[in-house]
C-alpha atoms as a PDB file:
ATOM      1  CA  MET A   1       0.018   0.022   0.022  1.00  0.00           C
ATOM      2  CA  SER A   2       1.456   3.421  -0.998  1.00  0.00           C
ATOM      3  CA  THR A   3       1.822   6.059   1.651  1.00  0.00           C
ATOM      4  CA  ILE A   4      -0.167   9.239   1.110  1.00  0.00           C
ATOM      5  CA  HIS A   5       1.982  12.235   2.017  1.00  0.00           C
ATOM      6  CA  LYS A   6       0.542  15.529   3.155  1.00  0.00           C
ATOM      7  CA  LYS A   7       0.876  18.311   0.627  1.00  0.00           C
ATOM      8  CA  PRO A   8       2.428  21.211   2.485  1.00  0.00           C
ATOM      9  CA  THR A   9       1.597  24.895   2.368  1.00  0.00           C
ATOM     10  CA  VAL A  10       4.788  26.539   1.139  1.00  0.00           C
ATOM     11  CA  ALA A  11       6.115  30.136   1.248  1.00  0.00           C
ATOM     12  CA  ILE A  12       9.154  31.387  -0.667  1.00  0.00           C
ATOM     13  CA  ILE A  13      10.682  34.523   0.808  1.00  0.00           C
ATOM     14  CA  GLY A  14      12.671  36.264  -1.843  1.00  0.00           C
ATOM     15  CA  ALA A  15      10.539  34.780  -4.607  1.00  0.00           C
ATOM     16  CA  THR A  16      11.460  37.335  -7.210  1.00  0.00           C
ATOM     17  CA  GLY A  17      15.231  36.996  -6.811  1.00  0.00           C
ATOM     18  CA  ILE A  18      17.524  34.737  -8.738  1.00  0.00           C
ATOM     19  CA  VAL A  19      17.324  31.907  -6.259  1.00  0.00           C
ATOM     20  CA  GLY A  20      13.628  32.421  -5.629  1.00  0.00           C
ATOM     21  CA  THR A  21      12.813  32.047  -9.326  1.00  0.00           C
ATOM     22  CA  THR A  22      15.043  28.945  -9.471  1.00  0.00           C
ATOM     23  CA  PHE A  23      12.814  27.460  -6.742  1.00  0.00           C
ATOM     24  CA  LEU A  24       9.796  28.062  -8.906  1.00  0.00           C
ATOM     25  CA  SER A  25      11.470  26.395 -11.994  1.00  0.00           C
ATOM     26  CA  LEU A  26      12.409  23.371  -9.862  1.00  0.00           C
ATOM     27  CA  PHE A  27       8.911  23.033  -8.407  1.00  0.00           C
ATOM     28  CA  GLU A  28       7.676  22.607 -11.984  1.00  0.00           C
ATOM     29  CA  GLU A  29      10.502  20.353 -13.166  1.00  0.00           C
ATOM     30  CA  ARG A  30      10.361  18.040 -10.066  1.00  0.00           C
ATOM     31  CA  SER A  31       6.534  18.100  -9.789  1.00  0.00           C
ATOM     32  CA  PHE A  32       6.999  19.277  -6.224  1.00  0.00           C
ATOM     33  CA  GLU A  33       3.479  19.001  -4.698  1.00  0.00           C
ATOM     34  CA  TYR A  34       2.047  21.662  -2.379  1.00  0.00           C
ATOM     35  CA  SER A  35      -1.514  22.498  -1.265  1.00  0.00           C
ATOM     36  CA  ASN A  36      -0.905  26.235  -1.335  1.00  0.00           C
ATOM     37  CA  LEU A  37       1.970  28.470  -2.442  1.00  0.00           C
ATOM     38  CA  HIS A  38       2.768  31.953  -1.148  1.00  0.00           C
ATOM     39  CA  LEU A  39       5.335  34.095  -3.013  1.00  0.00           C
ATOM     40  CA  VAL A  40       6.804  36.697  -0.715  1.00  0.00           C
ATOM     41  CA  ALA A  41       9.262  39.516  -1.298  1.00  0.00           C
ATOM     42  CA  SER A  42      10.087  43.079  -0.354  1.00  0.00           C
ATOM     43  CA  SER A  43       7.687  45.987  -1.038  1.00  0.00           C
ATOM     44  CA  ARG A  44       9.476  46.704  -4.320  1.00  0.00           C
ATOM     45  CA  SER A  45       8.056  43.490  -5.777  1.00  0.00           C
ATOM     46  CA  VAL A  46       4.542  43.589  -4.271  1.00  0.00           C
ATOM     47  CA  GLY A  47       1.902  43.092  -6.973  1.00  0.00           C
ATOM     48  CA  ARG A  48       4.130  41.322  -9.434  1.00  0.00           C
ATOM     49  CA  CYS A  49       2.579  38.228 -10.913  1.00  0.00           C
ATOM     50  CA  LEU A  50       4.583  35.035 -11.337  1.00  0.00           C
ATOM     51  CA  THR A  51       3.318  31.875 -13.050  1.00  0.00           C
ATOM     52  CA  VAL A  52       4.045  28.485 -11.556  1.00  0.00           C
ATOM     53  CA  ASN A  53       2.523  25.282 -12.971  1.00  0.00           C
ATOM     54  CA  GLU A  54       0.265  27.341 -15.204  1.00  0.00           C
ATOM     55  CA  ARG A  55      -1.229  29.274 -12.301  1.00  0.00           C
ATOM     56  CA  ASP A  56      -0.612  32.916 -11.607  1.00  0.00           C
ATOM     57  CA  TYR A  57       0.502  34.082  -8.116  1.00  0.00           C
ATOM     58  CA  GLN A  58       0.717  37.614  -6.858  1.00  0.00           C
ATOM     59  CA  VAL A  59       3.729  38.535  -4.793  1.00  0.00           C
ATOM     60  CA  CYS A  60       2.978  39.425  -1.138  1.00  0.00           C
ATOM     61  CA  ASP A  61       4.803  41.975   0.990  1.00  0.00           C
ATOM     62  CA  LEU A  62       7.056  40.308   3.639  1.00  0.00           C
ATOM     63  CA  ALA A  63       6.298  43.141   6.087  1.00  0.00           C
ATOM     64  CA  ASP A  64       2.628  42.193   6.155  1.00  0.00           C
ATOM     65  CA  PHE A  65       2.897  38.413   5.672  1.00  0.00           C
ATOM     66  CA  ASN A  66       1.470  36.030   8.271  1.00  0.00           C
ATOM     67  CA  PHE A  67       3.187  32.673   8.422  1.00  0.00           C
ATOM     68  CA  THR A  68       0.350  31.015  10.326  1.00  0.00           C
ATOM     69  CA  GLY A  69      -0.626  27.910   8.382  1.00  0.00           C
ATOM     70  CA  VAL A  70       2.638  27.737   6.445  1.00  0.00           C
ATOM     71  CA  ASP A  71       4.315  24.323   6.738  1.00  0.00           C
ATOM     72  CA  ILE A  72       7.602  25.152   4.972  1.00  0.00           C
ATOM     73  CA  ALA A  73       9.114  28.608   4.526  1.00  0.00           C
ATOM     74  CA  PHE A  74      12.098  28.762   2.130  1.00  0.00           C
ATOM     75  CA  PHE A  75      14.158  31.850   2.877  1.00  0.00           C
ATOM     76  CA  ALA A  76      16.167  33.064  -0.082  1.00  0.00           C
ATOM     77  CA  ALA A  77      16.329  36.889   0.438  1.00  0.00           C
ATOM     78  CA  GLY A  78      19.763  37.337   1.989  1.00  0.00           C
ATOM     79  CA  THR A  79      21.254  37.093   5.501  1.00  0.00           C
ATOM     80  CA  PRO A  80      19.829  40.404   6.878  1.00  0.00           C
ATOM     81  CA  ILE A  81      16.262  39.407   5.930  1.00  0.00           C
ATOM     82  CA  SER A  82      16.689  35.984   7.494  1.00  0.00           C
ATOM     83  CA  ARG A  83      18.055  37.396  10.731  1.00  0.00           C
ATOM     84  CA  GLU A  84      15.079  39.749  10.981  1.00  0.00           C
ATOM     85  CA  TRP A  85      12.228  37.475   9.845  1.00  0.00           C
ATOM     86  CA  VAL A  86      12.975  33.807  10.414  1.00  0.00           C
ATOM     87  CA  SER A  87      12.175  33.994  14.121  1.00  0.00           C
ATOM     88  CA  LYS A  88       8.674  35.300  13.305  1.00  0.00           C
ATOM     89  CA  ALA A  89       8.111  32.483  10.803  1.00  0.00           C
ATOM     90  CA  VAL A  90       9.179  29.878  13.363  1.00  0.00           C
ATOM     91  CA  GLU A  91       7.013  31.429  16.126  1.00  0.00           C
ATOM     92  CA  GLN A  92       4.023  31.269  13.796  1.00  0.00           C
ATOM     93  CA  GLY A  93       4.567  27.538  13.148  1.00  0.00           C
ATOM     94  CA  ALA A  94       6.584  27.313   9.940  1.00  0.00           C
ATOM     95  CA  LEU A  95       9.594  25.045   9.410  1.00  0.00           C
ATOM     96  CA  VAL A  96      12.221  27.269   7.924  1.00  0.00           C
ATOM     97  CA  ILE A  97      14.732  26.093   5.344  1.00  0.00           C
ATOM     98  CA  ASP A  98      17.144  28.973   5.187  1.00  0.00           C
ATOM     99  CA  ASN A  99      19.487  29.643   2.250  1.00  0.00           C
ATOM    100  CA  THR A 100      21.650  32.194   3.984  1.00  0.00           C
ATOM    101  CA  ASN A 101      24.576  32.319   6.346  1.00  0.00           C
ATOM    102  CA  ALA A 102      22.419  33.502   9.292  1.00  0.00           C
ATOM    103  CA  PHE A 103      22.036  30.235  11.229  1.00  0.00           C
ATOM    104  CA  ARG A 104      24.420  27.700   9.688  1.00  0.00           C
ATOM    105  CA  MET A 105      26.704  27.381  12.655  1.00  0.00           C
ATOM    106  CA  HIS A 106      24.073  27.593  15.375  1.00  0.00           C
ATOM    107  CA  PRO A 107      24.322  24.354  17.430  1.00  0.00           C
ATOM    108  CA  ASP A 108      20.591  23.770  17.432  1.00  0.00           C
ATOM    109  CA  THR A 109      20.286  24.244  13.678  1.00  0.00           C
ATOM    110  CA  PRO A 110      21.099  21.281  11.378  1.00  0.00           C
ATOM    111  CA  LEU A 111      23.254  22.161   8.375  1.00  0.00           C
ATOM    112  CA  VAL A 112      22.108  19.615   5.844  1.00  0.00           C
ATOM    113  CA  VAL A 113      23.144  18.177   2.479  1.00  0.00           C
ATOM    114  CA  PRO A 114      20.651  15.266   2.020  1.00  0.00           C
ATOM    115  CA  GLN A 115      23.149  13.106   0.085  1.00  0.00           C
ATOM    116  CA  VAL A 116      25.570  13.406   3.049  1.00  0.00           C
ATOM    117  CA  ASN A 117      23.726  13.760   6.402  1.00  0.00           C
ATOM    118  CA  HIS A 118      20.014  13.078   5.665  1.00  0.00           C
ATOM    119  CA  HIS A 119      19.834  11.237   9.062  1.00  0.00           C
ATOM    120  CA  LEU A 120      19.406  14.701  10.617  1.00  0.00           C
ATOM    121  CA  LEU A 121      16.031  15.090   8.905  1.00  0.00           C
ATOM    122  CA  GLY A 122      14.171  12.438  10.894  1.00  0.00           C
ATOM    123  CA  GLU A 123      12.641  15.045  13.224  1.00  0.00           C
ATOM    124  CA  ARG A 124      11.860  18.683  13.434  1.00  0.00           C
ATOM    125  CA  PRO A 125      14.845  20.553  14.797  1.00  0.00           C
ATOM    126  CA  LYS A 126      14.496  22.376  18.107  1.00  0.00           C
ATOM    127  CA  SER A 127      15.298  25.667  16.432  1.00  0.00           C
ATOM    128  CA  GLY A 128      12.596  25.178  13.779  1.00  0.00           C
ATOM    129  CA  ILE A 129      15.292  25.949  11.230  1.00  0.00           C
ATOM    130  CA  ILE A 130      17.257  23.819   8.808  1.00  0.00           C
ATOM    131  CA  ALA A 131      20.231  25.661   7.193  1.00  0.00           C
ATOM    132  CA  ASN A 132      21.261  25.256   3.573  1.00  0.00           C
ATOM    133  CA  PRO A 133      25.058  25.334   3.204  1.00  0.00           C
ATOM    134  CA  ASN A 134      27.148  27.681   1.143  1.00  0.00           C
ATOM    135  CA  CYS A 135      26.985  27.149  -2.637  1.00  0.00           C
ATOM    136  CA  SER A 136      30.642  26.008  -2.808  1.00  0.00           C
ATOM    137  CA  THR A 137      30.458  23.812   0.244  1.00  0.00           C
ATOM    138  CA  ILE A 138      27.623  21.609  -0.997  1.00  0.00           C
ATOM    139  CA  PRO A 139      29.331  20.032  -4.030  1.00  0.00           C
ATOM    140  CA  LEU A 140      32.613  19.772  -2.142  1.00  0.00           C
ATOM    141  CA  VAL A 141      31.247  17.708   0.772  1.00  0.00           C
ATOM    142  CA  ARG A 142      29.116  15.563  -1.585  1.00  0.00           C
ATOM    143  CA  LEU A 143      32.253  14.395  -3.358  1.00  0.00           C
ATOM    144  CA  LEU A 144      34.361  14.206  -0.226  1.00  0.00           C
ATOM    145  CA  GLN A 145      31.815  12.049   1.580  1.00  0.00           C
ATOM    146  CA  PRO A 146      32.500   8.668  -0.177  1.00  0.00           C
ATOM    147  CA  ILE A 147      36.239   9.348  -0.021  1.00  0.00           C
ATOM    148  CA  GLU A 148      35.926  10.204   3.681  1.00  0.00           C
ATOM    149  CA  GLN A 149      34.005   6.915   4.381  1.00  0.00           C
ATOM    150  CA  ASN A 150      36.571   4.776   2.680  1.00  0.00           C
ATOM    151  CA  TYR A 151      39.929   6.573   3.284  1.00  0.00           C
ATOM    152  CA  ARG A 152      39.325   9.140   6.002  1.00  0.00           C
ATOM    153  CA  VAL A 153      40.240  12.600   4.708  1.00  0.00           C
ATOM    154  CA  LYS A 154      42.851  14.493   6.756  1.00  0.00           C
ATOM    155  CA  ARG A 155      43.321  17.685   4.763  1.00  0.00           C
ATOM    156  CA  VAL A 156      41.627  19.557   1.972  1.00  0.00           C
ATOM    157  CA  ILE A 157      42.927  22.472  -0.092  1.00  0.00           C
ATOM    158  CA  VAL A 158      40.371  23.941  -2.441  1.00  0.00           C
ATOM    159  CA  SER A 159      40.356  26.817  -4.877  1.00  0.00           C
ATOM    160  CA  THR A 160      36.958  27.983  -6.115  1.00  0.00           C
ATOM    161  CA  TYR A 161      36.068  29.676  -9.401  1.00  0.00           C
ATOM    162  CA  GLN A 162      32.727  31.325  -8.548  1.00  0.00           C
ATOM    163  CA  SER A 163      30.369  32.759 -11.182  1.00  0.00           C
ATOM    164  CA  ALA A 164      28.647  36.151 -11.391  1.00  0.00           C
ATOM    165  CA  SER A 165      25.266  34.686 -10.616  1.00  0.00           C
ATOM    166  CA  GLY A 166      26.364  34.316  -7.046  1.00  0.00           C
ATOM    167  CA  ARG A 167      25.712  38.043  -6.835  1.00  0.00           C
ATOM    168  CA  GLY A 168      22.253  37.762  -8.327  1.00  0.00           C
ATOM    169  CA  VAL A 169      20.762  39.075 -11.525  1.00  0.00           C
ATOM    170  CA  THR A 170      22.478  42.401 -11.002  1.00  0.00           C
ATOM    171  CA  GLY A 171      25.779  40.605 -10.848  1.00  0.00           C
ATOM    172  CA  ILE A 172      25.163  38.902 -14.176  1.00  0.00           C
ATOM    173  CA  ASP A 173      24.037  42.187 -15.752  1.00  0.00           C
ATOM    174  CA  GLU A 174      27.160  43.910 -14.480  1.00  0.00           C
ATOM    175  CA  LEU A 175      29.395  41.252 -15.999  1.00  0.00           C
ATOM    176  CA  LYS A 176      27.559  41.371 -19.360  1.00  0.00           C
ATOM    177  CA  ASN A 177      27.477  45.189 -19.567  1.00  0.00           C
ATOM    178  CA  GLY A 178      31.115  45.465 -18.465  1.00  0.00           C
ATOM    179  CA  SER A 179      32.253  42.973 -21.048  1.00  0.00           C
ATOM    180  CA  LEU A 180      30.451  44.819 -23.819  1.00  0.00           C
ATOM    181  CA  GLN A 181      31.840  48.121 -22.675  1.00  0.00           C
ATOM    182  CA  ILE A 182      35.440  46.822 -22.675  1.00  0.00           C
ATOM    183  CA  ILE A 183      35.022  45.391 -26.178  1.00  0.00           C
ATOM    184  CA  LYS A 184      33.610  48.710 -27.405  1.00  0.00           C
ATOM    185  CA  THR A 185      35.784  51.194 -25.435  1.00  0.00           C
ATOM    186  CA  PRO A 186      38.767  49.231 -23.989  1.00  0.00           C
ATOM    187  CA  LEU A 187      40.341  52.276 -22.421  1.00  0.00           C
ATOM    188  CA  GLU A 188      37.341  53.143 -20.371  1.00  0.00           C
ATOM    189  CA  PRO A 189      36.989  51.041 -17.197  1.00  0.00           C
ATOM    190  CA  PRO A 190      33.594  49.552 -16.578  1.00  0.00           C
ATOM    191  CA  GLU A 191      31.548  50.363 -13.470  1.00  0.00           C
ATOM    192  CA  ALA A 192      31.777  48.053 -10.422  1.00  0.00           C
ATOM    193  CA  LYS A 193      28.807  47.999  -8.054  1.00  0.00           C
ATOM    194  CA  ARG A 194      28.209  44.303  -7.273  1.00  0.00           C
ATOM    195  CA  PHE A 195      31.878  43.356  -7.164  1.00  0.00           C
ATOM    196  CA  PRO A 196      34.906  45.031  -5.472  1.00  0.00           C
ATOM    197  CA  VAL A 197      36.363  45.805  -8.903  1.00  0.00           C
ATOM    198  CA  ALA A 198      35.037  45.223 -12.423  1.00  0.00           C
ATOM    199  CA  LEU A 199      34.637  41.525 -13.151  1.00  0.00           C
ATOM    200  CA  ALA A 200      34.574  41.674 -16.904  1.00  0.00           C
ATOM    201  CA  PHE A 201      37.715  40.009 -18.369  1.00  0.00           C
ATOM    202  CA  ASN A 202      39.076  39.827 -14.824  1.00  0.00           C
ATOM    203  CA  LEU A 203      39.545  37.614 -11.771  1.00  0.00           C
ATOM    204  CA  ILE A 204      38.775  38.747  -8.195  1.00  0.00           C
ATOM    205  CA  PRO A 205      40.609  36.612  -5.554  1.00  0.00           C
ATOM    206  CA  SER A 206      38.438  37.760  -2.684  1.00  0.00           C
ATOM    207  CA  ILE A 207      34.735  36.988  -1.969  1.00  0.00           C
ATOM    208  CA  ASP A 208      32.871  38.439   0.980  1.00  0.00           C
ATOM    209  CA  VAL A 209      34.482  40.409   3.828  1.00  0.00           C
ATOM    210  CA  LEU A 210      38.134  40.056   4.788  1.00  0.00           C
ATOM    211  CA  LEU A 211      38.740  38.637   8.245  1.00  0.00           C
ATOM    212  CA  ASP A 212      41.495  39.385  10.778  1.00  0.00           C
ATOM    213  CA  ASN A 213      43.375  36.178   9.774  1.00  0.00           C
ATOM    214  CA  HIS A 214      43.522  37.388   6.095  1.00  0.00           C
ATOM    215  CA  PHE A 215      41.005  34.778   4.936  1.00  0.00           C
ATOM    216  CA  THR A 216      37.629  35.912   3.677  1.00  0.00           C
ATOM    217  CA  LEU A 217      34.273  35.011   5.232  1.00  0.00           C
ATOM    218  CA  GLU A 218      33.525  32.904   2.157  1.00  0.00           C
ATOM    219  CA  GLU A 219      36.687  30.865   2.785  1.00  0.00           C
ATOM    220  CA  GLN A 220      35.895  30.493   6.479  1.00  0.00           C
ATOM    221  CA  LYS A 221      32.423  29.221   5.589  1.00  0.00           C
ATOM    222  CA  MET A 222      33.904  26.409   3.552  1.00  0.00           C
ATOM    223  CA  LEU A 223      36.088  25.355   6.563  1.00  0.00           C
ATOM    224  CA  GLN A 224      33.428  25.587   9.249  1.00  0.00           C
ATOM    225  CA  GLU A 225      30.573  24.181   7.155  1.00  0.00           C
ATOM    226  CA  SER A 226      32.545  21.222   5.809  1.00  0.00           C
ATOM    227  CA  ARG A 227      33.486  20.259   9.370  1.00  0.00           C
ATOM    228  CA  LYS A 228      29.893  20.475  10.619  1.00  0.00           C
ATOM    229  CA  ILE A 229      28.334  18.568   7.690  1.00  0.00           C
ATOM    230  CA  LEU A 230      30.854  15.778   7.672  1.00  0.00           C
ATOM    231  CA  ASN A 231      30.915  15.650  11.469  1.00  0.00           C
ATOM    232  CA  ARG A 232      34.681  16.138  11.385  1.00  0.00           C
ATOM    233  CA  PRO A 233      35.599  19.023  13.718  1.00  0.00           C
ATOM    234  CA  ASP A 234      39.257  18.171  13.193  1.00  0.00           C
ATOM    235  CA  LEU A 235      39.190  18.315   9.371  1.00  0.00           C
ATOM    236  CA  ASP A 236      41.800  20.640   7.930  1.00  0.00           C
ATOM    237  CA  VAL A 237      40.172  22.709   5.111  1.00  0.00           C
ATOM    238  CA  SER A 238      41.902  25.652   3.517  1.00  0.00           C
ATOM    239  CA  ALA A 239      40.150  27.581   0.754  1.00  0.00           C
ATOM    240  CA  THR A 240      40.925  30.334  -1.754  1.00  0.00           C
ATOM    241  CA  CYS A 241      37.723  31.729  -3.266  1.00  0.00           C
ATOM    242  CA  VAL A 242      37.877  33.536  -6.529  1.00  0.00           C
ATOM    243  CA  ARG A 243      35.143  35.304  -8.540  1.00  0.00           C
ATOM    244  CA  VAL A 244      35.498  34.650 -12.289  1.00  0.00           C
ATOM    245  CA  PRO A 245      33.786  36.187 -15.348  1.00  0.00           C
ATOM    246  CA  VAL A 246      31.407  33.249 -15.885  1.00  0.00           C
ATOM    247  CA  ILE A 247      27.702  33.860 -15.901  1.00  0.00           C
ATOM    248  CA  ASN A 248      26.615  30.703 -14.011  1.00  0.00           C
ATOM    249  CA  CYS A 249      28.075  27.576 -12.342  1.00  0.00           C
ATOM    250  CA  HIS A 250      30.862  27.373  -9.815  1.00  0.00           C
ATOM    251  CA  SER A 251      33.940  25.267 -10.294  1.00  0.00           C
ATOM    252  CA  GLU A 252      36.503  23.979  -7.798  1.00  0.00           C
ATOM    253  CA  ALA A 253      39.972  22.474  -7.891  1.00  0.00           C
ATOM    254  CA  VAL A 254      40.266  20.198  -4.881  1.00  0.00           C
ATOM    255  CA  TYR A 255      43.351  18.627  -3.306  1.00  0.00           C
ATOM    256  CA  PHE A 256      42.733  16.042  -0.545  1.00  0.00           C
ATOM    257  CA  GLU A 257      45.011  13.974   1.708  1.00  0.00           C
ATOM    258  CA  CYS A 258      43.926  10.767   3.393  1.00  0.00           C
ATOM    259  CA  ASP A 259      45.113   8.381   6.052  1.00  0.00           C
ATOM    260  CA  ARG A 260      46.228   5.689   3.626  1.00  0.00           C
ATOM    261  CA  ASP A 261      47.356   5.238   0.087  1.00  0.00           C
ATOM    262  CA  LEU A 262      44.748   5.987  -2.598  1.00  0.00           C
ATOM    263  CA  ASP A 263      43.717   3.748  -5.463  1.00  0.00           C
ATOM    264  CA  ARG A 264      42.644   5.920  -8.420  1.00  0.00           C
ATOM    265  CA  ASN A 265      40.331   3.239  -9.872  1.00  0.00           C
ATOM    266  CA  ASN A 266      38.620   2.926  -6.498  1.00  0.00           C
ATOM    267  CA  ILE A 267      38.266   6.711  -6.172  1.00  0.00           C
ATOM    268  CA  VAL A 268      36.659   6.850  -9.587  1.00  0.00           C
ATOM    269  CA  GLU A 269      34.314   3.962  -8.684  1.00  0.00           C
ATOM    270  CA  LEU A 270      33.337   5.689  -5.444  1.00  0.00           C
ATOM    271  CA  LEU A 271      32.451   8.907  -7.247  1.00  0.00           C
ATOM    272  CA  HIS A 272      30.587   6.949  -9.945  1.00  0.00           C
ATOM    273  CA  HIS A 273      28.354   5.549  -7.233  1.00  0.00           C
ATOM    274  CA  ALA A 274      27.800   8.820  -5.468  1.00  0.00           C
ATOM    275  CA  PRO A 275      24.254  10.022  -6.038  1.00  0.00           C
ATOM    276  CA  GLU A 276      23.602  12.556  -8.771  1.00  0.00           C
ATOM    277  CA  VAL A 277      27.228  12.782  -9.896  1.00  0.00           C
ATOM    278  CA  THR A 278      28.594  12.555 -13.443  1.00  0.00           C
ATOM    279  CA  VAL A 279      32.183  11.334 -13.628  1.00  0.00           C
ATOM    280  CA  TYR A 280      34.474  12.200 -16.521  1.00  0.00           C
ATOM    281  CA  ASP A 281      36.941   9.347 -16.122  1.00  0.00           C
ATOM    282  CA  ASP A 282      38.835   9.311 -19.418  1.00  0.00           C
ATOM    283  CA  GLU A 283      40.012  12.796 -20.313  1.00  0.00           C
ATOM    284  CA  ALA A 284      41.113  11.670 -23.777  1.00  0.00           C
ATOM    285  CA  THR A 285      37.595  10.590 -24.773  1.00  0.00           C
ATOM    286  CA  GLN A 286      35.263  12.368 -22.343  1.00  0.00           C
ATOM    287  CA  GLY A 287      37.144  15.649 -21.823  1.00  0.00           C
ATOM    288  CA  TYR A 288      36.369  17.382 -18.543  1.00  0.00           C
ATOM    289  CA  PRO A 289      33.461  19.370 -17.179  1.00  0.00           C
ATOM    290  CA  THR A 290      33.243  23.119 -17.734  1.00  0.00           C
ATOM    291  CA  PRO A 291      30.529  25.676 -16.824  1.00  0.00           C
ATOM    292  CA  ARG A 292      29.563  25.936 -20.493  1.00  0.00           C
ATOM    293  CA  THR A 293      29.388  22.217 -21.333  1.00  0.00           C
ATOM    294  CA  ILE A 294      27.782  20.410 -18.452  1.00  0.00           C
ATOM    295  CA  ASN A 295      24.615  18.716 -19.687  1.00  0.00           C
ATOM    296  CA  ASN A 296      22.633  18.201 -16.481  1.00  0.00           C
ATOM    297  CA  PRO A 297      22.495  21.154 -14.054  1.00  0.00           C
ATOM    298  CA  ASP A 298      21.027  18.968 -11.302  1.00  0.00           C
ATOM    299  CA  TYR A 299      24.223  16.802 -11.167  1.00  0.00           C
ATOM    300  CA  ILE A 300      27.687  17.533  -9.868  1.00  0.00           C
ATOM    301  CA  HIS A 301      30.221  17.049 -12.679  1.00  0.00           C
ATOM    302  CA  VAL A 302      33.697  15.802 -11.676  1.00  0.00           C
ATOM    303  CA  GLY A 303      36.845  15.115 -13.718  1.00  0.00           C
ATOM    304  CA  ARG A 304      40.682  15.477 -13.675  1.00  0.00           C
ATOM    305  CA  ILE A 305      40.763  12.731 -11.023  1.00  0.00           C
ATOM    306  CA  ARG A 306      44.387  11.932 -10.251  1.00  0.00           C
ATOM    307  CA  ILE A 307      46.746  10.764  -7.538  1.00  0.00           C
ATOM    308  CA  ASP A 308      49.550  13.076  -6.467  1.00  0.00           C
ATOM    309  CA  PRO A 309      52.756  11.561  -7.914  1.00  0.00           C
ATOM    310  CA  ASN A 310      54.707  12.734  -4.824  1.00  0.00           C
ATOM    311  CA  ASN A 311      52.158  11.652  -2.216  1.00  0.00           C
ATOM    312  CA  PRO A 312      50.282   8.356  -2.755  1.00  0.00           C
ATOM    313  CA  LYS A 313      47.890   9.369   0.027  1.00  0.00           C
ATOM    314  CA  ALA A 314      46.774  12.508  -1.769  1.00  0.00           C
ATOM    315  CA  GLY A 315      44.681  13.259  -4.809  1.00  0.00           C
ATOM    316  CA  TRP A 316      43.034  15.888  -6.933  1.00  0.00           C
ATOM    317  CA  PHE A 317      39.740  16.453  -8.697  1.00  0.00           C
ATOM    318  CA  TRP A 318      37.983  19.137 -10.547  1.00  0.00           C
ATOM    319  CA  LEU A 319      34.272  19.781 -10.065  1.00  0.00           C
ATOM    320  CA  VAL A 320      31.589  21.934 -11.727  1.00  0.00           C
ATOM    321  CA  SER A 321      28.095  22.506 -10.301  1.00  0.00           C
ATOM    322  CA  ASP A 322      25.195  24.858 -10.842  1.00  0.00           C
ATOM    323  CA  ASN A 323      25.361  27.222  -7.877  1.00  0.00           C
ATOM    324  CA  LEU A 324      21.747  28.357  -8.160  1.00  0.00           C
ATOM    325  CA  ARG A 325      20.412  24.809  -8.220  1.00  0.00           C
ATOM    326  CA  ILE A 326      22.726  22.370  -6.452  1.00  0.00           C
ATOM    327  CA  GLY A 327      24.329  25.211  -4.428  1.00  0.00           C
ATOM    328  CA  ALA A 328      20.959  26.711  -3.307  1.00  0.00           C
ATOM    329  CA  ALA A 329      17.426  25.934  -4.374  1.00  0.00           C
ATOM    330  CA  LEU A 330      17.771  22.236  -5.312  1.00  0.00           C
ATOM    331  CA  ASN A 331      19.448  21.291  -2.045  1.00  0.00           C
ATOM    332  CA  ALA A 332      16.715  23.110  -0.114  1.00  0.00           C
ATOM    333  CA  ILE A 333      13.942  21.357  -2.048  1.00  0.00           C
ATOM    334  CA  GLN A 334      15.669  17.986  -1.504  1.00  0.00           C
ATOM    335  CA  ILE A 335      15.661  18.713   2.206  1.00  0.00           C
ATOM    336  CA  ALA A 336      11.934  19.376   2.079  1.00  0.00           C
ATOM    337  CA  GLU A 337      11.250  16.274  -0.040  1.00  0.00           C
ATOM    338  CA  GLU A 338      13.100  14.097   2.415  1.00  0.00           C
ATOM    339  CA  MET A 339      11.124  15.459   5.403  1.00  0.00           C
ATOM    340  CA  ILE A 340       7.845  15.067   3.541  1.00  0.00           C
ATOM    341  CA  GLN A 341       8.782  11.467   2.659  1.00  0.00           C
ATOM    342  CA  ARG A 342       9.534  10.777   6.315  1.00  0.00           C
ATOM    343  CA  GLN A 343       6.262  12.493   7.270  1.00  0.00           C
ATOM    344  CA  VAL A 344       8.084  14.978   9.552  1.00  0.00           C
ATOM    345  CA  ILE A 345       6.161  17.680   7.730  1.00  0.00           C
END
């Protein structure tokens, strides 16, 4: 006998933003079922009409929105909004799945990647909040997990190559407009509003605020979040996060050291069996993943898998993933799907 799952009432806070609209696309693609849907945003977007599953929805003002009766509230409107409004949503009965940095390291708030630590989704958390990790942390821990289980990872050094979409629609527009301006008038520097300096035809080796230890907050997130998700408080993770002139998809070059010698064929096999991962094993015939060429945005794409010739306990891989889907909306939806399946919601 099949189990009949309750269809939840869902609210998306930040529904008109780049992650919010990705939620709506994924609802349609995945046939995510809900009994009612509320699209919520700031006063600037009130009255806008968005179509989901051939039905039109008007955007509500967050300042006036009542969360009573909402089962799941997806927050995707930025850290300041989450810090101000999540507590109200929880007090009024909603389970919050938060896509910001506001609560990730709170001890009572699970930080969840369903393919890694779904066991945390068996009950409603005390805080009423489940945190979605950083967009670069999610693909990293998903690929480290099978290696960790079989070899125990000691150290990770990762360089990220993060796209303009991480700064929203305005970040994409600034990259496009700046690129056109440089082509037309190369001696006139383009404007930089969403990035510290102009991103067009450039690389920016600093994302988020600079900390006292000379790492950035983005780099610290990758350390702290990886430790929490993998339940490895001793894991050594060092990151360099770079913004690159790519519209969408983040890439990462990952070096990892383990407790024992690595077998490349075994590493490839482990990654082949990881859920929702495409492995490019033979570079001569398959090439390698790039932001422009990956064919399934809901999978992590990994290639350049190799063992360090100077250290048999260390290896490298290169990954590409869609930061708006895998790194944000898709992970949050998969959290909700798992909890609905378990009848926690």
